[in-house]
Amino acid sequence: MRLSPMAGIILALCCLGLAAGCAPKKQVQRIPVDSVTDLSGYWNDTDSRLVAEEMITDCLTGAWKANHWEKAKEKATVIVGVVRNKTDEHIAVETFVGDIERAMINSNEVTVMASAEEREQIRDERADQQKYSSEESMKQWGREVGADYMLGGLISSITDEVEGEKVVFYQVDLTLYDLETNAKVWTGQKKIKKYIGRAKMSM
């Protein structure tokens, strides 16, 4: 029996409705943002946070900080420069840089300066104040503080894979430079190795 065009449309819509009703529904659950999660085995927010905190703790216990205090009698000013992603995967380097800055600021042991991009935004705001703010409240030019040190580095990885099993090795290298002399005053390294295997079939 041949269906009319209208009957065919109604039947198609009913089939779509049945298919949608039978489709598995995703379960969404909120979890603490500082919880350790590792679904894919690749670099994630947990790696970013833990590596940043561990490496900055090591950095701030280096001899350079005591040497700076002995010379300048004040906290060092640090700017976080470029951290390059040399892995084969997409890594949100900006998040890692933010975790580094947060660890430094929360330590209260150094003063963290704005990045080059952030400084341009601040300067635009300062220029705007010269036109529209009162003399008492506008911020003056020429009072920026130059950083004493710059922190930079890279994230690299090596992947070894065979027959559905994989080991991913990450290495993070950070270096702190004296901006006046270009001397390397601290270097740090953190390694992470992850095994990614096939899920076992449940009986």
N, C-alpha and C. Protein backbone atom coordinates (compact mmCIF):
# COMPACT_ATOMS: atom_id res chain seq x y z
N MET A 1 0.86 -1.19 0.00
CA MET A 1 0.00 0.00 0.00
C MET A 1 0.90 1.24 0.00
N ARG A 2 0.59 2.13 -0.90
CA ARG A 2 1.37 3.35 -1.03
C ARG A 2 0.81 4.42 -0.12
N LEU A 3 1.72 5.04 0.70
CA LEU A 3 1.29 6.09 1.63
C LEU A 3 1.22 7.43 0.92
N SER A 4 0.30 8.25 1.40
CA SER A 4 0.22 9.61 0.89
C SER A 4 1.41 10.40 1.40
N PRO A 5 1.78 11.51 0.73
CA PRO A 5 2.92 12.32 1.20
C PRO A 5 2.76 12.76 2.64
N MET A 6 1.57 13.15 3.04
CA MET A 6 1.35 13.61 4.42
C MET A 6 1.55 12.45 5.41
N ALA A 7 1.04 11.27 5.06
CA ALA A 7 1.19 10.11 5.94
C ALA A 7 2.66 9.73 6.06
N GLY A 8 3.40 9.88 4.96
CA GLY A 8 4.83 9.58 5.00
C GLY A 8 5.58 10.52 5.94
N ILE A 9 5.22 11.80 5.91
CA ILE A 9 5.86 12.79 6.79
C ILE A 9 5.56 12.47 8.25
N ILE A 10 4.28 12.15 8.54
CA ILE A 10 3.89 11.82 9.91
C ILE A 10 4.63 10.60 10.40
N LEU A 11 4.77 9.57 9.53
CA LEU A 11 5.47 8.34 9.91
C LEU A 11 6.95 8.62 10.20
N ALA A 12 7.54 9.48 9.37
CA ALA A 12 8.96 9.82 9.56
C ALA A 12 9.17 10.55 10.88
N LEU A 13 8.26 11.46 11.20
CA LEU A 13 8.36 12.19 12.46
C LEU A 13 8.21 11.27 13.65
N CYS A 14 7.30 10.29 13.54
CA CYS A 14 7.12 9.33 14.63
C CYS A 14 8.37 8.49 14.83
N CYS A 15 9.01 8.09 13.73
CA CYS A 15 10.25 7.30 13.84
C CYS A 15 11.36 8.11 14.49
N LEU A 16 11.45 9.40 14.13
CA LEU A 16 12.47 10.26 14.74
C LEU A 16 12.21 10.41 16.23
N GLY A 17 10.94 10.54 16.61
CA GLY A 17 10.61 10.67 18.02
C GLY A 17 10.96 9.42 18.80
N LEU A 18 10.70 8.24 18.20
CA LEU A 18 11.04 6.99 18.87
C LEU A 18 12.55 6.84 19.01
N ALA A 19 13.30 7.26 17.95
CA ALA A 19 14.76 7.15 18.00
C ALA A 19 15.34 8.06 19.06
N ALA A 20 14.77 9.26 19.17
CA ALA A 20 15.26 10.20 20.18
C ALA A 20 14.98 9.69 21.58
N GLY A 21 13.82 9.03 21.75
CA GLY A 21 13.47 8.52 23.06
C GLY A 21 14.34 7.34 23.48
N CYS A 22 14.82 6.58 22.49
CA CYS A 22 15.65 5.42 22.80
C CYS A 22 17.13 5.75 22.93
N ALA A 23 17.53 6.94 22.47
CA ALA A 23 18.95 7.31 22.51
C ALA A 23 19.42 7.44 23.96
N PRO A 24 20.63 6.95 24.23
CA PRO A 24 21.13 7.05 25.61
C PRO A 24 21.33 8.51 26.02
N LYS A 25 20.98 8.82 27.26
CA LYS A 25 21.12 10.17 27.76
C LYS A 25 22.44 10.32 28.51
N LYS A 26 23.08 11.46 28.32
CA LYS A 26 24.33 11.73 29.01
C LYS A 26 24.08 12.08 30.47
N GLN A 27 24.96 11.61 31.32
CA GLN A 27 24.86 11.94 32.74
C GLN A 27 25.86 13.04 33.05
N VAL A 28 25.40 14.14 33.59
CA VAL A 28 26.25 15.28 33.93
C VAL A 28 26.30 15.43 35.44
N GLN A 29 27.49 15.52 35.96
CA GLN A 29 27.67 15.65 37.40
C GLN A 29 28.76 16.67 37.68
N ARG A 30 28.48 17.61 38.54
CA ARG A 30 29.48 18.61 38.91
C ARG A 30 30.47 18.00 39.90
N ILE A 31 31.75 18.27 39.66
CA ILE A 31 32.80 17.76 40.55
C ILE A 31 33.69 18.93 40.96
N PRO A 32 34.40 18.81 42.07
CA PRO A 32 35.29 19.90 42.51
C PRO A 32 36.34 20.21 41.44
N VAL A 33 36.61 21.50 41.21
CA VAL A 33 37.53 21.89 40.15
C VAL A 33 38.96 21.47 40.47
N ASP A 34 39.26 21.22 41.74
CA ASP A 34 40.62 20.80 42.09
C ASP A 34 40.75 19.28 42.22
N SER A 35 39.71 18.54 41.79
CA SER A 35 39.78 17.08 41.85
C SER A 35 40.70 16.58 40.74
N VAL A 36 41.37 15.44 40.99
CA VAL A 36 42.28 14.85 40.03
C VAL A 36 41.48 14.01 39.04
N THR A 37 41.48 14.41 37.77
CA THR A 37 40.75 13.68 36.74
C THR A 37 41.69 13.34 35.60
N ASP A 38 41.50 12.16 35.02
CA ASP A 38 42.35 11.72 33.91
C ASP A 38 41.53 10.78 33.04
N LEU A 39 40.77 11.32 32.10
CA LEU A 39 39.91 10.49 31.26
C LEU A 39 40.64 9.99 30.03
N SER A 40 41.29 10.89 29.30
CA SER A 40 41.95 10.51 28.06
C SER A 40 43.40 10.11 28.27
N GLY A 41 44.00 10.55 29.38
CA GLY A 41 45.41 10.29 29.60
C GLY A 41 46.31 11.38 29.08
N TYR A 42 45.73 12.34 28.34
CA TYR A 42 46.53 13.42 27.81
C TYR A 42 46.62 14.57 28.82
N TRP A 43 47.44 15.56 28.49
CA TRP A 43 47.63 16.74 29.34
C TRP A 43 46.28 17.38 29.64
N ASN A 44 46.03 17.68 30.91
CA ASN A 44 44.75 18.28 31.27
C ASN A 44 44.92 19.35 32.34
N ASP A 45 43.81 19.83 32.87
CA ASP A 45 43.86 20.93 33.85
C ASP A 45 44.55 20.51 35.14
N THR A 46 44.43 19.25 35.51
CA THR A 46 45.11 18.77 36.71
C THR A 46 46.63 18.83 36.54
N ASP A 47 47.12 18.38 35.38
CA ASP A 47 48.55 18.47 35.11
C ASP A 47 49.02 19.91 35.15
N SER A 48 48.26 20.80 34.52
CA SER A 48 48.63 22.21 34.47
C SER A 48 48.78 22.80 35.86
N ARG A 49 47.79 22.55 36.71
CA ARG A 49 47.80 23.13 38.06
C ARG A 49 48.90 22.53 38.93
N LEU A 50 48.99 21.21 38.94
CA LEU A 50 49.96 20.56 39.82
C LEU A 50 51.40 20.84 39.40
N VAL A 51 51.66 20.83 38.09
CA VAL A 51 53.02 21.12 37.61
C VAL A 51 53.40 22.55 37.93
N ALA A 52 52.48 23.49 37.70
CA ALA A 52 52.77 24.90 37.99
C ALA A 52 53.08 25.09 39.47
N GLU A 53 52.26 24.53 40.35
CA GLU A 53 52.47 24.71 41.78
C GLU A 53 53.79 24.10 42.24
N GLU A 54 54.10 22.89 41.75
CA GLU A 54 55.33 22.22 42.17
C GLU A 54 56.58 22.95 41.67
N MET A 55 56.53 23.39 40.40
CA MET A 55 57.71 24.04 39.83
C MET A 55 57.94 25.43 40.42
N ILE A 56 56.88 26.16 40.71
CA ILE A 56 57.04 27.49 41.30
C ILE A 56 57.51 27.37 42.75
N THR A 57 57.05 26.35 43.46
CA THR A 57 57.57 26.12 44.81
C THR A 57 59.08 25.89 44.77
N ASP A 58 59.52 25.09 43.79
CA ASP A 58 60.95 24.84 43.63
C ASP A 58 61.69 26.12 43.23
N CYS A 59 61.08 26.89 42.33
CA CYS A 59 61.71 28.13 41.87
C CYS A 59 61.92 29.11 43.02
N LEU A 60 60.93 29.25 43.88
CA LEU A 60 61.00 30.25 44.94
C LEU A 60 61.87 29.82 46.12
N THR A 61 62.37 28.59 46.08
CA THR A 61 63.34 28.17 47.09
C THR A 61 64.76 28.20 46.55
N GLY A 62 64.92 28.70 45.32
CA GLY A 62 66.24 28.77 44.71
C GLY A 62 67.11 29.85 45.33
N ALA A 63 68.41 29.71 45.14
CA ALA A 63 69.37 30.67 45.71
C ALA A 63 69.22 32.06 45.12
N TRP A 64 68.68 32.17 43.91
CA TRP A 64 68.56 33.47 43.26
C TRP A 64 67.74 34.45 44.09
N LYS A 65 66.69 33.95 44.76
CA LYS A 65 65.81 34.85 45.52
C LYS A 65 66.54 35.48 46.69
N ALA A 66 67.32 34.68 47.42
CA ALA A 66 68.10 35.21 48.54
C ALA A 66 69.17 36.16 48.04
N ASN A 67 69.79 35.83 46.91
CA ASN A 67 70.81 36.71 46.34
C ASN A 67 70.22 38.06 45.94
N HIS A 68 69.00 38.01 45.37
CA HIS A 68 68.35 39.26 44.98
C HIS A 68 68.03 40.11 46.21
N TRP A 69 67.51 39.48 47.26
CA TRP A 69 67.17 40.23 48.47
C TRP A 69 68.42 40.86 49.09
N GLU A 70 69.50 40.13 49.09
CA GLU A 70 70.74 40.65 49.67
C GLU A 70 71.23 41.88 48.90
N LYS A 71 70.99 41.87 47.59
CA LYS A 71 71.44 42.98 46.75
C LYS A 71 70.47 44.15 46.74
N ALA A 72 69.16 43.87 46.59
CA ALA A 72 68.17 44.93 46.39
C ALA A 72 67.39 45.30 47.65
N LYS A 73 67.37 44.42 48.65
CA LYS A 73 66.62 44.65 49.89
C LYS A 73 65.12 44.81 49.63
N GLU A 74 64.61 44.17 48.60
CA GLU A 74 63.18 44.18 48.33
C GLU A 74 62.81 42.95 47.51
N LYS A 75 61.51 42.67 47.45
CA LYS A 75 61.06 41.50 46.70
C LYS A 75 61.39 41.64 45.22
N ALA A 76 61.71 40.53 44.60
CA ALA A 76 61.98 40.52 43.16
C ALA A 76 60.68 40.70 42.38
N THR A 77 60.78 41.36 41.24
CA THR A 77 59.64 41.48 40.33
C THR A 77 59.87 40.55 39.16
N VAL A 78 58.84 39.77 38.83
CA VAL A 78 58.96 38.72 37.81
C VAL A 78 57.86 38.88 36.78
N ILE A 79 58.20 38.65 35.52
CA ILE A 79 57.20 38.60 34.46
C ILE A 79 57.25 37.21 33.85
N VAL A 80 56.09 36.63 33.60
CA VAL A 80 56.02 35.32 32.95
C VAL A 80 55.94 35.55 31.45
N GLY A 81 56.96 35.08 30.75
CA GLY A 81 57.01 35.27 29.31
C GLY A 81 56.35 34.14 28.55
N VAL A 82 56.99 33.68 27.49
CA VAL A 82 56.41 32.68 26.59
C VAL A 82 56.72 31.27 27.08
N VAL A 83 55.69 30.44 27.12
CA VAL A 83 55.85 29.00 27.35
C VAL A 83 55.37 28.32 26.07
N ARG A 84 56.29 27.66 25.37
CA ARG A 84 55.97 27.06 24.07
C ARG A 84 55.47 25.62 24.21
N ASN A 85 54.51 25.30 23.37
CA ASN A 85 53.98 23.93 23.31
C ASN A 85 54.68 23.19 22.19
N LYS A 86 55.58 22.26 22.53
CA LYS A 86 56.31 21.48 21.53
C LYS A 86 55.74 20.06 21.39
N THR A 87 54.56 19.82 21.97
CA THR A 87 53.94 18.51 21.86
C THR A 87 53.14 18.40 20.56
N ASP A 88 52.61 17.22 20.28
CA ASP A 88 51.79 17.01 19.10
C ASP A 88 50.31 17.25 19.37
N GLU A 89 49.96 17.62 20.59
CA GLU A 89 48.56 17.82 20.94
C GLU A 89 48.29 19.28 21.30
N HIS A 90 47.03 19.62 21.30
CA HIS A 90 46.66 20.99 21.69
C HIS A 90 46.71 21.11 23.21
N ILE A 91 47.50 22.05 23.67
CA ILE A 91 47.59 22.34 25.10
C ILE A 91 47.26 23.81 25.31
N ALA A 92 46.37 24.08 26.24
CA ALA A 92 46.00 25.48 26.56
C ALA A 92 47.13 26.10 27.37
N VAL A 93 48.15 26.60 26.66
CA VAL A 93 49.33 27.16 27.33
C VAL A 93 48.94 28.36 28.19
N GLU A 94 47.93 29.11 27.74
CA GLU A 94 47.50 30.28 28.52
C GLU A 94 47.03 29.87 29.91
N THR A 95 46.38 28.71 30.00
CA THR A 95 45.93 28.22 31.30
C THR A 95 47.13 27.88 32.18
N PHE A 96 48.14 27.26 31.59
CA PHE A 96 49.35 26.91 32.34
C PHE A 96 50.07 28.17 32.82
N VAL A 97 50.17 29.17 31.95
CA VAL A 97 50.79 30.44 32.35
C VAL A 97 49.99 31.08 33.49
N GLY A 98 48.67 31.02 33.39
CA GLY A 98 47.84 31.56 34.47
C GLY A 98 48.05 30.83 35.78
N ASP A 99 48.22 29.49 35.72
CA ASP A 99 48.49 28.72 36.93
C ASP A 99 49.85 29.10 37.53
N ILE A 100 50.83 29.36 36.67
CA ILE A 100 52.15 29.79 37.14
C ILE A 100 52.05 31.13 37.85
N GLU A 101 51.38 32.08 37.22
CA GLU A 101 51.24 33.41 37.82
C GLU A 101 50.48 33.34 39.14
N ARG A 102 49.44 32.52 39.18
CA ARG A 102 48.65 32.39 40.40
C ARG A 102 49.49 31.81 41.54
N ALA A 103 50.32 30.81 41.23
CA ALA A 103 51.18 30.22 42.26
C ALA A 103 52.18 31.24 42.78
N MET A 104 52.71 32.06 41.90
CA MET A 104 53.67 33.09 42.31
C MET A 104 53.00 34.16 43.16
N ILE A 105 51.85 34.64 42.72
CA ILE A 105 51.15 35.70 43.44
C ILE A 105 50.72 35.21 44.82
N ASN A 106 50.17 34.01 44.88
CA ASN A 106 49.70 33.47 46.15
C ASN A 106 50.83 33.20 47.13
N SER A 107 52.04 33.03 46.63
CA SER A 107 53.18 32.81 47.52
C SER A 107 53.54 34.09 48.28
N ASN A 108 53.24 35.24 47.71
CA ASN A 108 53.57 36.55 48.29
C ASN A 108 55.08 36.74 48.47
N GLU A 109 55.87 35.98 47.71
CA GLU A 109 57.32 36.08 47.82
C GLU A 109 57.94 36.88 46.69
N VAL A 110 57.20 37.09 45.62
CA VAL A 110 57.66 37.91 44.50
C VAL A 110 56.50 38.78 44.03
N THR A 111 56.83 39.82 43.28
CA THR A 111 55.80 40.65 42.66
C THR A 111 55.70 40.28 41.19
N VAL A 112 54.51 39.91 40.74
CA VAL A 112 54.30 39.47 39.37
C VAL A 112 53.82 40.65 38.52
N MET A 113 54.54 40.92 37.45
CA MET A 113 54.22 42.04 36.59
C MET A 113 53.29 41.60 35.45
N ALA A 114 52.57 42.55 34.88
CA ALA A 114 51.65 42.28 33.78
C ALA A 114 52.44 41.86 32.53
N SER A 115 51.81 41.04 31.71
CA SER A 115 52.43 40.61 30.46
C SER A 115 52.45 41.77 29.46
N ALA A 116 53.13 41.58 28.34
CA ALA A 116 53.23 42.62 27.32
C ALA A 116 51.84 43.03 26.81
N GLU A 117 50.99 42.03 26.56
CA GLU A 117 49.64 42.32 26.08
C GLU A 117 48.82 43.05 27.14
N GLU A 118 48.94 42.61 28.37
CA GLU A 118 48.20 43.26 29.45
C GLU A 118 48.68 44.68 29.66
N ARG A 119 49.99 44.92 29.52
CA ARG A 119 50.52 46.27 29.71
C ARG A 119 49.94 47.24 28.68
N GLU A 120 49.77 46.76 27.45
CA GLU A 120 49.18 47.62 26.41
C GLU A 120 47.76 48.03 26.78
N GLN A 121 46.99 47.10 27.32
CA GLN A 121 45.62 47.41 27.73
C GLN A 121 45.63 48.43 28.88
N ILE A 122 46.55 48.23 29.82
CA ILE A 122 46.63 49.15 30.96
C ILE A 122 47.04 50.54 30.49
N ARG A 123 47.97 50.60 29.55
CA ARG A 123 48.41 51.90 29.03
C ARG A 123 47.29 52.61 28.29
N ASP A 124 46.49 51.85 27.56
CA ASP A 124 45.33 52.46 26.88
C ASP A 124 44.38 53.06 27.90
N GLU A 125 44.14 52.34 29.01
CA GLU A 125 43.27 52.86 30.05
C GLU A 125 43.87 54.10 30.70
N ARG A 126 45.19 54.09 30.93
CA ARG A 126 45.85 55.25 31.53
C ARG A 126 45.75 56.46 30.61
N ALA A 127 45.91 56.23 29.30
CA ALA A 127 45.78 57.33 28.34
C ALA A 127 44.36 57.88 28.34
N ASP A 128 43.37 56.98 28.47
CA ASP A 128 41.98 57.40 28.52
C ASP A 128 41.71 58.25 29.75
N GLN A 129 42.36 57.91 30.86
CA GLN A 129 42.18 58.67 32.09
C GLN A 129 42.69 60.11 31.95
N GLN A 130 43.71 60.31 31.14
CA GLN A 130 44.25 61.66 30.98
C GLN A 130 43.23 62.61 30.36
N LYS A 131 42.27 62.04 29.62
CA LYS A 131 41.25 62.86 28.96
C LYS A 131 39.99 63.01 29.81
N TYR A 132 39.61 61.95 30.52
CA TYR A 132 38.28 61.93 31.10
C TYR A 132 38.24 61.85 32.62
N SER A 133 39.36 61.59 33.27
CA SER A 133 39.35 61.48 34.73
C SER A 133 39.80 62.79 35.37
N SER A 134 39.42 62.97 36.63
CA SER A 134 39.85 64.17 37.35
C SER A 134 41.35 64.10 37.62
N GLU A 135 41.95 65.26 37.86
CA GLU A 135 43.39 65.30 38.11
C GLU A 135 43.76 64.52 39.37
N GLU A 136 42.84 64.50 40.34
CA GLU A 136 43.13 63.80 41.59
C GLU A 136 43.13 62.28 41.41
N SER A 137 42.34 61.78 40.47
CA SER A 137 42.19 60.32 40.34
C SER A 137 42.97 59.72 39.18
N MET A 138 43.35 60.54 38.20
CA MET A 138 44.07 59.97 37.05
C MET A 138 45.44 59.45 37.46
N LYS A 139 45.83 58.34 36.84
CA LYS A 139 47.12 57.72 37.13
C LYS A 139 48.18 58.30 36.20
N GLN A 140 49.37 58.52 36.75
CA GLN A 140 50.42 59.22 36.04
C GLN A 140 51.25 58.28 35.17
N TRP A 141 51.87 58.86 34.15
CA TRP A 141 52.78 58.13 33.29
C TRP A 141 54.16 58.04 33.94
N GLY A 142 54.93 57.11 33.48
CA GLY A 142 56.32 57.01 33.90
C GLY A 142 56.54 56.41 35.28
N ARG A 143 55.55 55.72 35.80
CA ARG A 143 55.69 55.11 37.12
C ARG A 143 55.64 53.58 37.09
N GLU A 144 55.74 53.02 35.91
CA GLU A 144 55.74 51.57 35.80
C GLU A 144 57.03 51.01 36.42
N VAL A 145 56.92 49.80 36.95
CA VAL A 145 58.06 49.13 37.56
C VAL A 145 58.59 48.08 36.59
N GLY A 146 59.85 48.19 36.25
CA GLY A 146 60.45 47.21 35.36
C GLY A 146 60.71 45.89 36.08
N ALA A 147 60.46 44.77 35.39
CA ALA A 147 60.67 43.46 35.99
C ALA A 147 62.17 43.19 36.14
N ASP A 148 62.52 42.47 37.18
CA ASP A 148 63.90 42.05 37.40
C ASP A 148 64.21 40.74 36.66
N TYR A 149 63.19 39.89 36.55
CA TYR A 149 63.40 38.56 35.99
C TYR A 149 62.25 38.18 35.06
N MET A 150 62.57 37.31 34.11
CA MET A 150 61.54 36.76 33.21
C MET A 150 61.59 35.24 33.26
N LEU A 151 60.39 34.64 33.36
CA LEU A 151 60.27 33.18 33.38
C LEU A 151 59.70 32.70 32.04
N GLY A 152 60.33 31.73 31.45
CA GLY A 152 59.85 31.17 30.19
C GLY A 152 60.20 29.71 30.10
N GLY A 153 59.69 29.03 29.07
CA GLY A 153 60.02 27.61 28.94
C GLY A 153 59.24 26.92 27.86
N LEU A 154 59.15 25.60 27.96
CA LEU A 154 58.45 24.82 26.95
C LEU A 154 57.91 23.52 27.54
N ILE A 155 56.89 23.00 26.85
CA ILE A 155 56.30 21.70 27.18
C ILE A 155 56.53 20.79 25.98
N SER A 156 57.18 19.65 26.19
CA SER A 156 57.44 18.70 25.12
C SER A 156 56.91 17.33 25.51
N SER A 157 56.80 16.45 24.54
CA SER A 157 56.27 15.11 24.83
C SER A 157 56.84 14.08 23.87
N ILE A 158 56.84 12.83 24.31
CA ILE A 158 57.22 11.68 23.49
C ILE A 158 56.12 10.63 23.66
N THR A 159 55.64 10.08 22.56
CA THR A 159 54.58 9.07 22.60
C THR A 159 55.11 7.75 22.07
N ASP A 160 54.88 6.68 22.83
CA ASP A 160 55.25 5.32 22.42
C ASP A 160 53.97 4.49 22.40
N GLU A 161 53.64 3.94 21.22
CA GLU A 161 52.35 3.26 21.07
C GLU A 161 52.52 1.95 20.30
N VAL A 162 51.81 0.93 20.77
CA VAL A 162 51.80 -0.35 20.07
C VAL A 162 50.53 -1.12 20.43
N GLU A 163 49.82 -1.60 19.42
CA GLU A 163 48.66 -2.46 19.58
C GLU A 163 47.64 -1.92 20.60
N GLY A 164 47.32 -0.65 20.46
CA GLY A 164 46.28 -0.06 21.30
C GLY A 164 46.74 0.38 22.66
N GLU A 165 47.99 0.13 23.03
CA GLU A 165 48.53 0.60 24.30
C GLU A 165 49.49 1.75 24.04
N LYS A 166 49.47 2.72 24.93
CA LYS A 166 50.25 3.93 24.68
C LYS A 166 50.86 4.44 25.98
N VAL A 167 52.08 4.96 25.88
CA VAL A 167 52.73 5.66 26.98
C VAL A 167 53.08 7.05 26.48
N VAL A 168 52.59 8.07 27.18
CA VAL A 168 52.89 9.46 26.84
C VAL A 168 53.79 10.04 27.91
N PHE A 169 54.92 10.57 27.49
CA PHE A 169 55.89 11.16 28.40
C PHE A 169 55.92 12.66 28.17
N TYR A 170 55.63 13.44 29.22
CA TYR A 170 55.66 14.90 29.14
C TYR A 170 56.87 15.42 29.92
N GLN A 171 57.48 16.46 29.39
CA GLN A 171 58.56 17.13 30.10
C GLN A 171 58.34 18.64 30.02
N VAL A 172 58.33 19.27 31.18
CA VAL A 172 58.16 20.73 31.26
C VAL A 172 59.47 21.32 31.75
N ASP A 173 60.02 22.24 30.98
CA ASP A 173 61.26 22.93 31.34
C ASP A 173 60.98 24.41 31.48
N LEU A 174 61.32 24.97 32.63
CA LEU A 174 61.17 26.41 32.87
C LEU A 174 62.52 27.00 33.25
N THR A 175 62.77 28.22 32.80
CA THR A 175 64.02 28.92 33.09
C THR A 175 63.71 30.35 33.51
N LEU A 176 64.40 30.81 34.55
CA LEU A 176 64.26 32.18 35.03
C LEU A 176 65.51 32.96 34.62
N TYR A 177 65.30 34.08 33.91
CA TYR A 177 66.39 34.89 33.40
C TYR A 177 66.49 36.21 34.14
N ASP A 178 67.72 36.66 34.40
CA ASP A 178 67.97 38.01 34.91
C ASP A 178 67.85 38.95 33.72
N LEU A 179 66.89 39.89 33.76
CA LEU A 179 66.63 40.75 32.61
C LEU A 179 67.74 41.78 32.37
N GLU A 180 68.58 42.00 33.34
CA GLU A 180 69.66 42.97 33.16
C GLU A 180 70.91 42.31 32.57
N THR A 181 71.17 41.08 32.97
CA THR A 181 72.41 40.42 32.54
C THR A 181 72.18 39.26 31.57
N ASN A 182 70.93 38.84 31.38
CA ASN A 182 70.58 37.66 30.57
C ASN A 182 71.04 36.35 31.20
N ALA A 183 71.50 36.39 32.43
CA ALA A 183 71.95 35.17 33.11
C ALA A 183 70.76 34.29 33.48
N LYS A 184 70.96 32.97 33.38
CA LYS A 184 69.96 32.02 33.84
C LYS A 184 70.19 31.81 35.33
N VAL A 185 69.22 32.24 36.15
CA VAL A 185 69.42 32.16 37.59
C VAL A 185 68.71 30.95 38.22
N TRP A 186 67.81 30.33 37.45
CA TRP A 186 67.13 29.12 37.94
C TRP A 186 66.60 28.35 36.74
N THR A 187 66.72 27.03 36.80
CA THR A 187 66.10 26.16 35.80
C THR A 187 65.38 25.03 36.54
N GLY A 188 64.21 24.70 36.07
CA GLY A 188 63.43 23.63 36.68
C GLY A 188 62.89 22.68 35.63
N GLN A 189 62.67 21.45 36.04
CA GLN A 189 62.17 20.44 35.11
C GLN A 189 61.19 19.52 35.83
N LYS A 190 60.10 19.23 35.18
CA LYS A 190 59.09 18.32 35.70
C LYS A 190 58.73 17.31 34.62
N LYS A 191 58.73 16.01 35.01
CA LYS A 191 58.41 14.95 34.07
C LYS A 191 57.15 14.20 34.51
N ILE A 192 56.32 13.86 33.53
CA ILE A 192 55.10 13.09 33.78
C ILE A 192 55.04 11.96 32.76
N LYS A 193 54.78 10.74 33.22
CA LYS A 193 54.62 9.62 32.30
C LYS A 193 53.26 8.97 32.56
N LYS A 194 52.49 8.80 31.47
CA LYS A 194 51.14 8.24 31.59
C LYS A 194 50.99 7.02 30.69
N TYR A 195 50.43 5.97 31.27
CA TYR A 195 50.10 4.77 30.50
C TYR A 195 48.63 4.81 30.12
N ILE A 196 48.34 4.64 28.86
CA ILE A 196 46.97 4.64 28.36
C ILE A 196 46.71 3.27 27.74
N GLY A 197 45.92 2.45 28.41
CA GLY A 197 45.66 1.09 27.93
C GLY A 197 44.24 0.91 27.47
N ARG A 198 43.98 -0.24 26.87
CA ARG A 198 42.63 -0.56 26.44
C ARG A 198 41.78 -0.97 27.64
N ALA A 199 40.55 -0.53 27.66
CA ALA A 199 39.66 -0.89 28.77
C ALA A 199 39.36 -2.38 28.75
N LYS A 200 39.38 -2.98 29.93
CA LYS A 200 39.10 -4.40 30.04
C LYS A 200 37.60 -4.66 29.94
N MET A 201 37.24 -5.75 29.26
CA MET A 201 35.83 -6.11 29.11
C MET A 201 35.32 -6.69 30.42
N SER A 202 34.18 -6.17 30.88
CA SER A 202 33.58 -6.69 32.11
C SER A 202 32.73 -7.91 31.78
N MET A 203 32.82 -8.93 32.63
CA MET A 203 32.11 -10.18 32.40
C MET A 203 30.74 -10.14 33.10
